Amino acid sequence: MKVLVTGGMGYIGSHTCIQMIEAGMTPVILDNLYNSKPTVLERIEKVCGARPEFIEADIRDKAALVEAMRAHNIEAVIHFAGLKAVGESVEKPLEYYDNNVNGTLVLVDAMREAGV
């Protein structure tokens, strides 16, 4: 099963991808690298012997999401692309709202359009 993992370069997302690979699934990571680094892919490969496909994109970019889902024949989505730092959320509430609420709505709309 091919699964799009948004925020898959973060701690929870990357560990989920490792478990998915070990269970025989195929994660495709989509992340904007806001709170992570490309070296996470190397660590995933070192742990489980497989390097997931990676798409650098933002969950608020509907066209990129639809293209990724169609190009990779995505069957399901696990959504971890949320901002979570409490202090920063107080300083930048609109940015957090846009990413976490609007981004989720854009993702769901893209899933509907791509037939996922």
PDB file of N, CA and C in Angstrom:
ATOM      1  N   MET A   1       0.844  -1.180   0.000  1.00  0.00           N
ATOM      2  CA  MET A   1       0.000   0.000   0.000  1.00  0.00           C
ATOM      3  C   MET A   1       0.885   1.238   0.000  1.00  0.00           C
ATOM      4  N   LYS A   2       0.597   2.185  -0.880  1.00  0.00           N
ATOM      5  CA  LYS A   2       1.325   3.453  -0.940  1.00  0.00           C
ATOM      6  C   LYS A   2       0.573   4.495  -0.127  1.00  0.00           C
ATOM      7  N   VAL A   3       1.279   5.076   0.833  1.00  0.00           N
ATOM      8  CA  VAL A   3       0.664   6.022   1.757  1.00  0.00           C
ATOM      9  C   VAL A   3       1.442   7.330   1.738  1.00  0.00           C
ATOM     10  N   LEU A   4       0.744   8.434   1.532  1.00  0.00           N
ATOM     11  CA  LEU A   4       1.361   9.748   1.626  1.00  0.00           C
ATOM     12  C   LEU A   4       1.439  10.119   3.099  1.00  0.00           C
ATOM     13  N   VAL A   5       2.634  10.457   3.562  1.00  0.00           N
ATOM     14  CA  VAL A   5       2.830  10.844   4.959  1.00  0.00           C
ATOM     15  C   VAL A   5       3.219  12.316   4.973  1.00  0.00           C
ATOM     16  N   THR A   6       2.254  13.184   5.287  1.00  0.00           N
ATOM     17  CA  THR A   6       2.570  14.607   5.370  1.00  0.00           C
ATOM     18  C   THR A   6       3.306  14.857   6.681  1.00  0.00           C
ATOM     19  N   GLY A   7       4.320  15.703   6.625  1.00  0.00           N
ATOM     20  CA  GLY A   7       5.132  15.923   7.816  1.00  0.00           C
ATOM     21  C   GLY A   7       5.982  14.715   8.154  1.00  0.00           C
ATOM     22  N   GLY A   8       6.255  13.895   7.167  1.00  0.00           N
ATOM     23  CA  GLY A   8       6.974  12.642   7.388  1.00  0.00           C
ATOM     24  C   GLY A   8       8.443  12.777   7.721  1.00  0.00           C
ATOM     25  N   MET A   9       8.982  13.985   7.649  1.00  0.00           N
ATOM     26  CA  MET A   9      10.386  14.186   8.009  1.00  0.00           C
ATOM     27  C   MET A   9      10.543  14.565   9.479  1.00  0.00           C
ATOM     28  N   GLY A  10       9.439  14.785  10.166  1.00  0.00           N
ATOM     29  CA  GLY A  10       9.496  15.088  11.590  1.00  0.00           C
ATOM     30  C   GLY A  10       9.698  13.823  12.411  1.00  0.00           C
ATOM     31  N   TYR A  11       9.812  13.985  13.714  1.00  0.00           N
ATOM     32  CA  TYR A  11      10.100  12.847  14.595  1.00  0.00           C
ATOM     33  C   TYR A  11       9.015  11.773  14.505  1.00  0.00           C
ATOM     34  N   ILE A  12       7.770  12.155  14.712  1.00  0.00           N
ATOM     35  CA  ILE A  12       6.682  11.169  14.696  1.00  0.00           C
ATOM     36  C   ILE A  12       6.489  10.611  13.294  1.00  0.00           C
ATOM     37  N   GLY A  13       6.511  11.486  12.299  1.00  0.00           N
ATOM     38  CA  GLY A  13       6.327  11.044  10.921  1.00  0.00           C
ATOM     39  C   GLY A  13       7.405  10.092  10.447  1.00  0.00           C
ATOM     40  N   SER A  14       8.662  10.400  10.761  1.00  0.00           N
ATOM     41  CA  SER A  14       9.758   9.538  10.307  1.00  0.00           C
ATOM     42  C   SER A  14       9.719   8.180  10.998  1.00  0.00           C
ATOM     43  N   HIS A  15       9.370   8.166  12.273  1.00  0.00           N
ATOM     44  CA  HIS A  15       9.266   6.884  12.970  1.00  0.00           C
ATOM     45  C   HIS A  15       8.072   6.068  12.467  1.00  0.00           C
ATOM     46  N   THR A  16       7.012   6.749  12.089  1.00  0.00           N
ATOM     47  CA  THR A  16       5.873   6.060  11.479  1.00  0.00           C
ATOM     48  C   THR A  16       6.292   5.447  10.150  1.00  0.00           C
ATOM     49  N   CYS A  17       7.063   6.182   9.360  1.00  0.00           N
ATOM     50  CA  CYS A  17       7.543   5.659   8.069  1.00  0.00           C
ATOM     51  C   CYS A  17       8.399   4.412   8.263  1.00  0.00           C
ATOM     52  N   ILE A  18       9.243   4.406   9.273  1.00  0.00           N
ATOM     53  CA  ILE A  18      10.067   3.223   9.560  1.00  0.00           C
ATOM     54  C   ILE A  18       9.168   2.025   9.850  1.00  0.00           C
ATOM     55  N   GLN A  19       8.168   2.219  10.691  1.00  0.00           N
ATOM     56  CA  GLN A  19       7.247   1.125  11.017  1.00  0.00           C
ATOM     57  C   GLN A  19       6.483   0.659   9.780  1.00  0.00           C
ATOM     58  N   MET A  20       6.104   1.597   8.931  1.00  0.00           N
ATOM     59  CA  MET A  20       5.382   1.243   7.708  1.00  0.00           C
ATOM     60  C   MET A  20       6.253   0.409   6.777  1.00  0.00           C
ATOM     61  N   ILE A  21       7.500   0.827   6.594  1.00  0.00           N
ATOM     62  CA  ILE A  21       8.419   0.079   5.727  1.00  0.00           C
ATOM     63  C   ILE A  21       8.623  -1.324   6.273  1.00  0.00           C
ATOM     64  N   GLU A  22       8.828  -1.420   7.580  1.00  0.00           N
ATOM     65  CA  GLU A  22       9.025  -2.735   8.198  1.00  0.00           C
ATOM     66  C   GLU A  22       7.784  -3.616   8.080  1.00  0.00           C
ATOM     67  N   ALA A  23       6.612  -3.002   7.914  1.00  0.00           N
ATOM     68  CA  ALA A  23       5.364  -3.756   7.751  1.00  0.00           C
ATOM     69  C   ALA A  23       5.048  -4.032   6.282  1.00  0.00           C
ATOM     70  N   GLY A  24       5.961  -3.637   5.388  1.00  0.00           N
ATOM     71  CA  GLY A  24       5.775  -3.910   3.968  1.00  0.00           C
ATOM     72  C   GLY A  24       5.001  -2.851   3.205  1.00  0.00           C
ATOM     73  N   MET A  25       4.763  -1.716   3.827  1.00  0.00           N
ATOM     74  CA  MET A  25       4.051  -0.625   3.158  1.00  0.00           C
ATOM     75  C   MET A  25       5.058   0.303   2.484  1.00  0.00           C
ATOM     76  N   THR A  26       4.557   1.191   1.629  1.00  0.00           N
ATOM     77  CA  THR A  26       5.417   2.126   0.904  1.00  0.00           C
ATOM     78  C   THR A  26       5.018   3.558   1.240  1.00  0.00           C
ATOM     79  N   PRO A  27       5.726   4.181   2.185  1.00  0.00           N
ATOM     80  CA  PRO A  27       5.418   5.575   2.481  1.00  0.00           C
ATOM     81  C   PRO A  27       6.042   6.505   1.443  1.00  0.00           C
ATOM     82  N   VAL A  28       5.322   7.554   1.108  1.00  0.00           N
ATOM     83  CA  VAL A  28       5.834   8.645   0.285  1.00  0.00           C
ATOM     84  C   VAL A  28       5.731   9.882   1.169  1.00  0.00           C
ATOM     85  N   ILE A  29       6.871  10.474   1.481  1.00  0.00           N
ATOM     86  CA  ILE A  29       6.898  11.598   2.415  1.00  0.00           C
ATOM     87  C   ILE A  29       6.701  12.916   1.674  1.00  0.00           C
ATOM     88  N   LEU A  30       5.812  13.742   2.208  1.00  0.00           N
ATOM     89  CA  LEU A  30       5.630  15.106   1.720  1.00  0.00           C
ATOM     90  C   LEU A  30       5.852  16.029   2.906  1.00  0.00           C
ATOM     91  N   ASP A  31       6.827  16.936   2.781  1.00  0.00           N
ATOM     92  CA  ASP A  31       7.193  17.797   3.898  1.00  0.00           C
ATOM     93  C   ASP A  31       7.773  19.090   3.332  1.00  0.00           C
ATOM     94  N   ASN A  32       7.534  20.207   4.011  1.00  0.00           N
ATOM     95  CA  ASN A  32       8.119  21.471   3.560  1.00  0.00           C
ATOM     96  C   ASN A  32       9.435  21.789   4.270  1.00  0.00           C
ATOM     97  N   LEU A  33       9.890  20.907   5.125  1.00  0.00           N
ATOM     98  CA  LEU A  33      11.157  21.028   5.859  1.00  0.00           C
ATOM     99  C   LEU A  33      11.200  22.253   6.780  1.00  0.00           C
ATOM    100  N   TYR A  34      10.051  22.706   7.248  1.00  0.00           N
ATOM    101  CA  TYR A  34       9.991  23.844   8.166  1.00  0.00           C
ATOM    102  C   TYR A  34      10.676  23.511   9.490  1.00  0.00           C
ATOM    103  N   ASN A  35      10.450  22.318  10.000  1.00  0.00           N
ATOM    104  CA  ASN A  35      11.027  21.894  11.280  1.00  0.00           C
ATOM    105  C   ASN A  35      11.842  20.619  11.159  1.00  0.00           C
ATOM    106  N   SER A  36      12.401  20.348   9.990  1.00  0.00           N
ATOM    107  CA  SER A  36      13.149  19.103   9.803  1.00  0.00           C
ATOM    108  C   SER A  36      14.236  19.304   8.758  1.00  0.00           C
ATOM    109  N   LYS A  37      15.016  18.253   8.535  1.00  0.00           N
ATOM    110  CA  LYS A  37      16.146  18.332   7.610  1.00  0.00           C
ATOM    111  C   LYS A  37      16.131  17.145   6.659  1.00  0.00           C
ATOM    112  N   PRO A  38      16.703  17.331   5.461  1.00  0.00           N
ATOM    113  CA  PRO A  38      16.759  16.231   4.487  1.00  0.00           C
ATOM    114  C   PRO A  38      17.537  15.008   4.984  1.00  0.00           C
ATOM    115  N   THR A  39      18.410  15.180   5.960  1.00  0.00           N
ATOM    116  CA  THR A  39      19.206  14.061   6.469  1.00  0.00           C
ATOM    117  C   THR A  39      18.344  12.989   7.136  1.00  0.00           C
ATOM    118  N   VAL A  40      17.100  13.318   7.439  1.00  0.00           N
ATOM    119  CA  VAL A  40      16.186  12.334   8.032  1.00  0.00           C
ATOM    120  C   VAL A  40      16.030  11.134   7.099  1.00  0.00           C
ATOM    121  N   LEU A  41      16.026  11.373   5.792  1.00  0.00           N
ATOM    122  CA  LEU A  41      15.906  10.269   4.829  1.00  0.00           C
ATOM    123  C   LEU A  41      17.046   9.269   4.987  1.00  0.00           C
ATOM    124  N   GLU A  42      18.249   9.777   5.210  1.00  0.00           N
ATOM    125  CA  GLU A  42      19.406   8.895   5.408  1.00  0.00           C
ATOM    126  C   GLU A  42      19.238   8.055   6.670  1.00  0.00           C
ATOM    127  N   ARG A  43      18.713   8.674   7.727  1.00  0.00           N
ATOM    128  CA  ARG A  43      18.511   7.935   8.973  1.00  0.00           C
ATOM    129  C   ARG A  43      17.452   6.850   8.817  1.00  0.00           C
ATOM    130  N   ILE A  44      16.391   7.161   8.086  1.00  0.00           N
ATOM    131  CA  ILE A  44      15.360   6.149   7.838  1.00  0.00           C
ATOM    132  C   ILE A  44      15.974   4.976   7.089  1.00  0.00           C
ATOM    133  N   GLU A  45      16.755   5.284   6.062  1.00  0.00           N
ATOM    134  CA  GLU A  45      17.388   4.225   5.266  1.00  0.00           C
ATOM    135  C   GLU A  45      18.361   3.402   6.108  1.00  0.00           C
ATOM    136  N   LYS A  46      19.093   4.057   6.989  1.00  0.00           N
ATOM    137  CA  LYS A  46      20.049   3.351   7.848  1.00  0.00           C
ATOM    138  C   LYS A  46      19.333   2.378   8.787  1.00  0.00           C
ATOM    139  N   VAL A  47      18.176   2.783   9.292  1.00  0.00           N
ATOM    140  CA  VAL A  47      17.431   1.946  10.240  1.00  0.00           C
ATOM    141  C   VAL A  47      16.765   0.757   9.560  1.00  0.00           C
ATOM    142  N   CYS A  48      16.133   0.990   8.414  1.00  0.00           N
ATOM    143  CA  CYS A  48      15.322  -0.089   7.835  1.00  0.00           C
ATOM    144  C   CYS A  48      15.748  -0.529   6.438  1.00  0.00           C
ATOM    145  N   GLY A  49      16.814   0.052   5.905  1.00  0.00           N
ATOM    146  CA  GLY A  49      17.336  -0.411   4.625  1.00  0.00           C
ATOM    147  C   GLY A  49      16.589   0.064   3.400  1.00  0.00           C
ATOM    148  N   ALA A  50      15.661   0.978   3.562  1.00  0.00           N
ATOM    149  CA  ALA A  50      14.916   1.515   2.419  1.00  0.00           C
ATOM    150  C   ALA A  50      14.773   3.021   2.590  1.00  0.00           C
ATOM    151  N   ARG A  51      14.877   3.717   1.482  1.00  0.00           N
ATOM    152  CA  ARG A  51      14.749   5.174   1.505  1.00  0.00           C
ATOM    153  C   ARG A  51      13.415   5.551   0.867  1.00  0.00           C
ATOM    154  N   PRO A  52      12.505   6.128   1.635  1.00  0.00           N
ATOM    155  CA  PRO A  52      11.213   6.499   1.061  1.00  0.00           C
ATOM    156  C   PRO A  52      11.353   7.632   0.047  1.00  0.00           C
ATOM    157  N   GLU A  53      10.413   7.682  -0.873  1.00  0.00           N
ATOM    158  CA  GLU A  53      10.380   8.805  -1.803  1.00  0.00           C
ATOM    159  C   GLU A  53      10.033  10.053  -1.007  1.00  0.00           C
ATOM    160  N   PHE A  54      10.592  11.189  -1.438  1.00  0.00           N
ATOM    161  CA  PHE A  54      10.392  12.447  -0.724  1.00  0.00           C
ATOM    162  C   PHE A  54       9.968  13.539  -1.697  1.00  0.00           C
ATOM    163  N   ILE A  55       8.941  14.266  -1.320  1.00  0.00           N
ATOM    164  CA  ILE A  55       8.450  15.402  -2.091  1.00  0.00           C
ATOM    165  C   ILE A  55       8.506  16.619  -1.177  1.00  0.00           C
ATOM    166  N   GLU A  56       9.267  17.628  -1.581  1.00  0.00           N
ATOM    167  CA  GLU A  56       9.299  18.859  -0.791  1.00  0.00           C
ATOM    168  C   GLU A  56       8.155  19.752  -1.265  1.00  0.00           C
ATOM    169  N   ALA A  57       7.149  19.886  -0.430  1.00  0.00           N
ATOM    170  CA  ALA A  57       5.973  20.688  -0.757  1.00  0.00           C
ATOM    171  C   ALA A  57       5.241  21.042   0.531  1.00  0.00           C
ATOM    172  N   ASP A  58       4.345  21.985   0.418  1.00  0.00           N
ATOM    173  CA  ASP A  58       3.561  22.468   1.551  1.00  0.00           C
ATOM    174  C   ASP A  58       2.133  21.931   1.448  1.00  0.00           C
ATOM    175  N   ILE A  59       1.546  21.575   2.574  1.00  0.00           N
ATOM    176  CA  ILE A  59       0.179  21.034   2.537  1.00  0.00           C
ATOM    177  C   ILE A  59      -0.853  22.071   2.119  1.00  0.00           C
ATOM    178  N   ARG A  60      -0.464  23.328   2.067  1.00  0.00           N
ATOM    179  CA  ARG A  60      -1.395  24.361   1.601  1.00  0.00           C
ATOM    180  C   ARG A  60      -1.348  24.534   0.084  1.00  0.00           C
ATOM    181  N   ASP A  61      -0.487  23.767  -0.581  1.00  0.00           N
ATOM    182  CA  ASP A  61      -0.347  23.825  -2.041  1.00  0.00           C
ATOM    183  C   ASP A  61      -1.163  22.690  -2.659  1.00  0.00           C
ATOM    184  N   LYS A  62      -2.430  22.983  -2.937  1.00  0.00           N
ATOM    185  CA  LYS A  62      -3.345  21.943  -3.412  1.00  0.00           C
ATOM    186  C   LYS A  62      -2.854  21.289  -4.696  1.00  0.00           C
ATOM    187  N   ALA A  63      -2.354  22.071  -5.635  1.00  0.00           N
ATOM    188  CA  ALA A  63      -1.893  21.509  -6.909  1.00  0.00           C
ATOM    189  C   ALA A  63      -0.758  20.516  -6.687  1.00  0.00           C
ATOM    190  N   ALA A  64       0.173  20.843  -5.799  1.00  0.00           N
ATOM    191  CA  ALA A  64       1.288  19.931  -5.505  1.00  0.00           C
ATOM    192  C   ALA A  64       0.787  18.652  -4.844  1.00  0.00           C
ATOM    193  N   LEU A  65      -0.192  18.782  -3.966  1.00  0.00           N
ATOM    194  CA  LEU A  65      -0.753  17.609  -3.295  1.00  0.00           C
ATOM    195  C   LEU A  65      -1.445  16.680  -4.285  1.00  0.00           C
ATOM    196  N   VAL A  66      -2.292  17.241  -5.125  1.00  0.00           N
ATOM    197  CA  VAL A  66      -3.019  16.426  -6.109  1.00  0.00           C
ATOM    198  C   VAL A  66      -2.033  15.749  -7.050  1.00  0.00           C
ATOM    199  N   GLU A  67      -1.039  16.507  -7.512  1.00  0.00           N
ATOM    200  CA  GLU A  67      -0.029  15.935  -8.410  1.00  0.00           C
ATOM    201  C   GLU A  67       0.715  14.786  -7.737  1.00  0.00           C
ATOM    202  N   ALA A  68       1.112  14.975  -6.480  1.00  0.00           N
ATOM    203  CA  ALA A  68       1.833  13.926  -5.748  1.00  0.00           C
ATOM    204  C   ALA A  68       0.971  12.682  -5.584  1.00  0.00           C
ATOM    205  N   MET A  69      -0.282  12.867  -5.219  1.00  0.00           N
ATOM    206  CA  MET A  69      -1.175  11.725  -5.005  1.00  0.00           C
ATOM    207  C   MET A  69      -1.407  10.949  -6.295  1.00  0.00           C
ATOM    208  N   ARG A  70      -1.586  11.664  -7.381  1.00  0.00           N
ATOM    209  CA  ARG A  70      -1.816  10.996  -8.667  1.00  0.00           C
ATOM    210  C   ARG A  70      -0.541  10.348  -9.195  1.00  0.00           C
ATOM    211  N   ALA A  71       0.572  11.058  -9.125  1.00  0.00           N
ATOM    212  CA  ALA A  71       1.835  10.547  -9.674  1.00  0.00           C
ATOM    213  C   ALA A  71       2.329   9.307  -8.944  1.00  0.00           C
ATOM    214  N   HIS A  72       2.019   9.217  -7.651  1.00  0.00           N
ATOM    215  CA  HIS A  72       2.516   8.103  -6.838  1.00  0.00           C
ATOM    216  C   HIS A  72       1.439   7.066  -6.527  1.00  0.00           C
ATOM    217  N   ASN A  73       0.280   7.197  -7.140  1.00  0.00           N
ATOM    218  CA  ASN A  73      -0.824   6.253  -6.910  1.00  0.00           C
ATOM    219  C   ASN A  73      -1.104   6.051  -5.420  1.00  0.00           C
ATOM    220  N   ILE A  74      -1.249   7.150  -4.709  1.00  0.00           N
ATOM    221  CA  ILE A  74      -1.462   7.119  -3.262  1.00  0.00           C
ATOM    222  C   ILE A  74      -2.833   6.521  -2.947  1.00  0.00           C
ATOM    223  N   GLU A  75      -2.834   5.614  -1.974  1.00  0.00           N
ATOM    224  CA  GLU A  75      -4.065   4.943  -1.557  1.00  0.00           C
ATOM    225  C   GLU A  75      -4.614   5.466  -0.231  1.00  0.00           C
ATOM    226  N   ALA A  76      -3.754   6.089   0.565  1.00  0.00           N
ATOM    227  CA  ALA A  76      -4.166   6.596   1.877  1.00  0.00           C
ATOM    228  C   ALA A  76      -3.220   7.720   2.281  1.00  0.00           C
ATOM    229  N   VAL A  77      -3.634   8.488   3.273  1.00  0.00           N
ATOM    230  CA  VAL A  77      -2.823   9.604   3.769  1.00  0.00           C
ATOM    231  C   VAL A  77      -2.762   9.536   5.290  1.00  0.00           C
ATOM    232  N   ILE A  78      -1.565   9.752   5.830  1.00  0.00           N
ATOM    233  CA  ILE A  78      -1.389   9.961   7.271  1.00  0.00           C
ATOM    234  C   ILE A  78      -0.867  11.388   7.406  1.00  0.00           C
ATOM    235  N   HIS A  79      -1.565  12.201   8.178  1.00  0.00           N
ATOM    236  CA  HIS A  79      -1.294  13.644   8.229  1.00  0.00           C
ATOM    237  C   HIS A  79      -0.611  14.045   9.538  1.00  0.00           C
ATOM    238  N   PHE A  80       0.687  14.380   9.435  1.00  0.00           N
ATOM    239  CA  PHE A  80       1.453  14.861  10.584  1.00  0.00           C
ATOM    240  C   PHE A  80       1.989  16.276  10.371  1.00  0.00           C
ATOM    241  N   ALA A  81       1.615  16.938   9.283  1.00  0.00           N
ATOM    242  CA  ALA A  81       2.204  18.238   8.943  1.00  0.00           C
ATOM    243  C   ALA A  81       1.548  19.366   9.729  1.00  0.00           C
ATOM    244  N   GLY A  82       1.757  19.355  11.020  1.00  0.00           N
ATOM    245  CA  GLY A  82       1.192  20.399  11.864  1.00  0.00           C
ATOM    246  C   GLY A  82       2.281  21.119  12.631  1.00  0.00           C
ATOM    247  N   LEU A  83       2.095  22.408  12.826  1.00  0.00           N
ATOM    248  CA  LEU A  83       3.007  23.165  13.681  1.00  0.00           C
ATOM    249  C   LEU A  83       2.558  22.954  15.121  1.00  0.00           C
ATOM    250  N   LYS A  84       3.530  22.862  16.052  1.00  0.00           N
ATOM    251  CA  LYS A  84       3.157  22.421  17.390  1.00  0.00           C
ATOM    252  C   LYS A  84       3.854  23.131  18.541  1.00  0.00           C
ATOM    253  N   ALA A  85       4.727  24.083  18.281  1.00  0.00           N
ATOM    254  CA  ALA A  85       5.452  24.750  19.364  1.00  0.00           C
ATOM    255  C   ALA A  85       4.540  25.772  20.048  1.00  0.00           C
ATOM    256  N   VAL A  86       4.260  25.566  21.311  1.00  0.00           N
ATOM    257  CA  VAL A  86       3.304  26.406  22.028  1.00  0.00           C
ATOM    258  C   VAL A  86       3.739  27.868  22.040  1.00  0.00           C
ATOM    259  N   GLY A  87       4.983  28.122  22.410  1.00  0.00           N
ATOM    260  CA  GLY A  87       5.464  29.504  22.465  1.00  0.00           C
ATOM    261  C   GLY A  87       5.354  30.207  21.127  1.00  0.00           C
ATOM    262  N   GLU A  88       5.781  29.525  20.076  1.00  0.00           N
ATOM    263  CA  GLU A  88       5.713  30.106  18.735  1.00  0.00           C
ATOM    264  C   GLU A  88       4.264  30.310  18.299  1.00  0.00           C
ATOM    265  N   SER A  89       3.383  29.413  18.710  1.00  0.00           N
ATOM    266  CA  SER A  89       1.970  29.545  18.326  1.00  0.00           C
ATOM    267  C   SER A  89       1.339  30.792  18.945  1.00  0.00           C
ATOM    268  N   VAL A  90       1.825  31.195  20.107  1.00  0.00           N
ATOM    269  CA  VAL A  90       1.333  32.414  20.746  1.00  0.00           C
ATOM    270  C   VAL A  90       1.858  33.636  19.991  1.00  0.00           C
ATOM    271  N   GLU A  91       3.098  33.549  19.527  1.00  0.00           N
ATOM    272  CA  GLU A  91       3.706  34.647  18.776  1.00  0.00           C
ATOM    273  C   GLU A  91       3.152  34.761  17.358  1.00  0.00           C
ATOM    274  N   LYS A  92       2.801  33.637  16.749  1.00  0.00           N
ATOM    275  CA  LYS A  92       2.366  33.609  15.347  1.00  0.00           C
ATOM    276  C   LYS A  92       1.046  32.841  15.196  1.00  0.00           C
ATOM    277  N   PRO A  93      -0.012  33.292  15.853  1.00  0.00           N
ATOM    278  CA  PRO A  93      -1.251  32.511  15.821  1.00  0.00           C
ATOM    279  C   PRO A  93      -1.846  32.348  14.425  1.00  0.00           C
ATOM    280  N   LEU A  94      -1.764  33.366  13.589  1.00  0.00           N
ATOM    281  CA  LEU A  94      -2.351  33.255  12.251  1.00  0.00           C
ATOM    282  C   LEU A  94      -1.584  32.273  11.375  1.00  0.00           C
ATOM    283  N   GLU A  95      -0.264  32.234  11.544  1.00  0.00           N
ATOM    284  CA  GLU A  95       0.543  31.267  10.788  1.00  0.00           C
ATOM    285  C   GLU A  95       0.180  29.839  11.199  1.00  0.00           C
ATOM    286  N   TYR A  96      -0.009  29.632  12.484  1.00  0.00           N
ATOM    287  CA  TYR A  96      -0.386  28.306  12.983  1.00  0.00           C
ATOM    288  C   TYR A  96      -1.786  27.922  12.512  1.00  0.00           C
ATOM    289  N   TYR A  97      -2.704  28.871  12.559  1.00  0.00           N
ATOM    290  CA  TYR A  97      -4.061  28.608  12.079  1.00  0.00           C
ATOM    291  C   TYR A  97      -4.031  28.264  10.597  1.00  0.00           C
ATOM    292  N   ASP A  98      -3.298  29.052   9.818  1.00  0.00           N
ATOM    293  CA  ASP A  98      -3.227  28.815   8.379  1.00  0.00           C
ATOM    294  C   ASP A  98      -2.658  27.436   8.080  1.00  0.00           C
ATOM    295  N   ASN A  99      -1.565  27.090   8.733  1.00  0.00           N
ATOM    296  CA  ASN A  99      -0.953  25.785   8.473  1.00  0.00           C
ATOM    297  C   ASN A  99      -1.821  24.644   9.002  1.00  0.00           C
ATOM    298  N   ASN A 100      -2.221  24.721  10.246  1.00  0.00           N
ATOM    299  CA  ASN A 100      -2.882  23.581  10.885  1.00  0.00           C
ATOM    300  C   ASN A 100      -4.347  23.405  10.491  1.00  0.00           C
ATOM    301  N   VAL A 101      -5.077  24.485  10.373  1.00  0.00           N
ATOM    302  CA  VAL A 101      -6.499  24.376  10.028  1.00  0.00           C
ATOM    303  C   VAL A 101      -6.683  24.453   8.516  1.00  0.00           C
ATOM    304  N   ASN A 102      -6.230  25.551   7.919  1.00  0.00           N
ATOM    305  CA  ASN A 102      -6.387  25.689   6.472  1.00  0.00           C
ATOM    306  C   ASN A 102      -5.633  24.585   5.733  1.00  0.00           C
ATOM    307  N   GLY A 103      -4.420  24.271   6.184  1.00  0.00           N
ATOM    308  CA  GLY A 103      -3.642  23.212   5.534  1.00  0.00           C
ATOM    309  C   GLY A 103      -4.360  21.874   5.544  1.00  0.00           C
ATOM    310  N   THR A 104      -5.010  21.558   6.647  1.00  0.00           N
ATOM    311  CA  THR A 104      -5.762  20.300   6.728  1.00  0.00           C
ATOM    312  C   THR A 104      -6.946  20.313   5.769  1.00  0.00           C
ATOM    313  N   LEU A 105      -7.628  21.440   5.675  1.00  0.00           N
ATOM    314  CA  LEU A 105      -8.759  21.544   4.747  1.00  0.00           C
ATOM    315  C   LEU A 105      -8.301  21.423   3.294  1.00  0.00           C
ATOM    316  N   VAL A 106      -7.173  22.047   2.964  1.00  0.00           N
ATOM    317  CA  VAL A 106      -6.619  21.936   1.611  1.00  0.00           C
ATOM    318  C   VAL A 106      -6.247  20.481   1.326  1.00  0.00           C
ATOM    319  N   LEU A 107      -5.638  19.818   2.298  1.00  0.00           N
ATOM    320  CA  LEU A 107      -5.253  18.415   2.137  1.00  0.00           C
ATOM    321  C   LEU A 107      -6.474  17.538   1.868  1.00  0.00           C
ATOM    322  N   VAL A 108      -7.523  17.715   2.647  1.00  0.00           N
ATOM    323  CA  VAL A 108      -8.737  16.910   2.465  1.00  0.00           C
ATOM    324  C   VAL A 108      -9.359  17.177   1.094  1.00  0.00           C
ATOM    325  N   ASP A 109      -9.366  18.424   0.673  1.00  0.00           N
ATOM    326  CA  ASP A 109      -9.904  18.766  -0.645  1.00  0.00           C
ATOM    327  C   ASP A 109      -9.058  18.130  -1.751  1.00  0.00           C
ATOM    328  N   ALA A 110      -7.736  18.148  -1.596  1.00  0.00           N
ATOM    329  CA  ALA A 110      -6.849  17.518  -2.579  1.00  0.00           C
ATOM    330  C   ALA A 110      -7.067  16.009  -2.622  1.00  0.00           C
ATOM    331  N   MET A 111      -7.270  15.398  -1.464  1.00  0.00           N
ATOM    332  CA  MET A 111      -7.550  13.961  -1.411  1.00  0.00           C
ATOM    333  C   MET A 111      -8.827  13.640  -2.180  1.00  0.00           C
ATOM    334  N   ARG A 112      -9.832  14.448  -1.971  1.00  0.00           N
ATOM    335  CA  ARG A 112     -11.105  14.245  -2.677  1.00  0.00           C
ATOM    336  C   ARG A 112     -10.894  14.355  -4.185  1.00  0.00           C
ATOM    337  N   GLU A 113     -10.165  15.390  -4.605  1.00  0.00           N
ATOM    338  CA  GLU A 113      -9.925  15.597  -6.038  1.00  0.00           C
ATOM    339  C   GLU A 113      -9.106  14.465  -6.652  1.00  0.00           C
ATOM    340  N   ALA A 114      -8.147  13.938  -5.888  1.00  0.00           N
ATOM    341  CA  ALA A 114      -7.283  12.862  -6.396  1.00  0.00           C
ATOM    342  C   ALA A 114      -7.907  11.480  -6.225  1.00  0.00           C
ATOM    343  N   GLY A 115      -9.058  11.411  -5.559  1.00  0.00           N
ATOM    344  CA  GLY A 115      -9.722  10.126  -5.366  1.00  0.00           C
ATOM    345  C   GLY A 115      -9.112   9.252  -4.295  1.00  0.00           C
ATOM    346  N   VAL A 116      -8.512   9.886  -3.307  1.00  0.00           N
ATOM    347  CA  VAL A 116      -7.883   9.133  -2.210  1.00  0.00           C
ATOM    348  C   VAL A 116      -8.852   9.059  -1.047  1.00  0.00           C
TER     349      VAL A 116
END
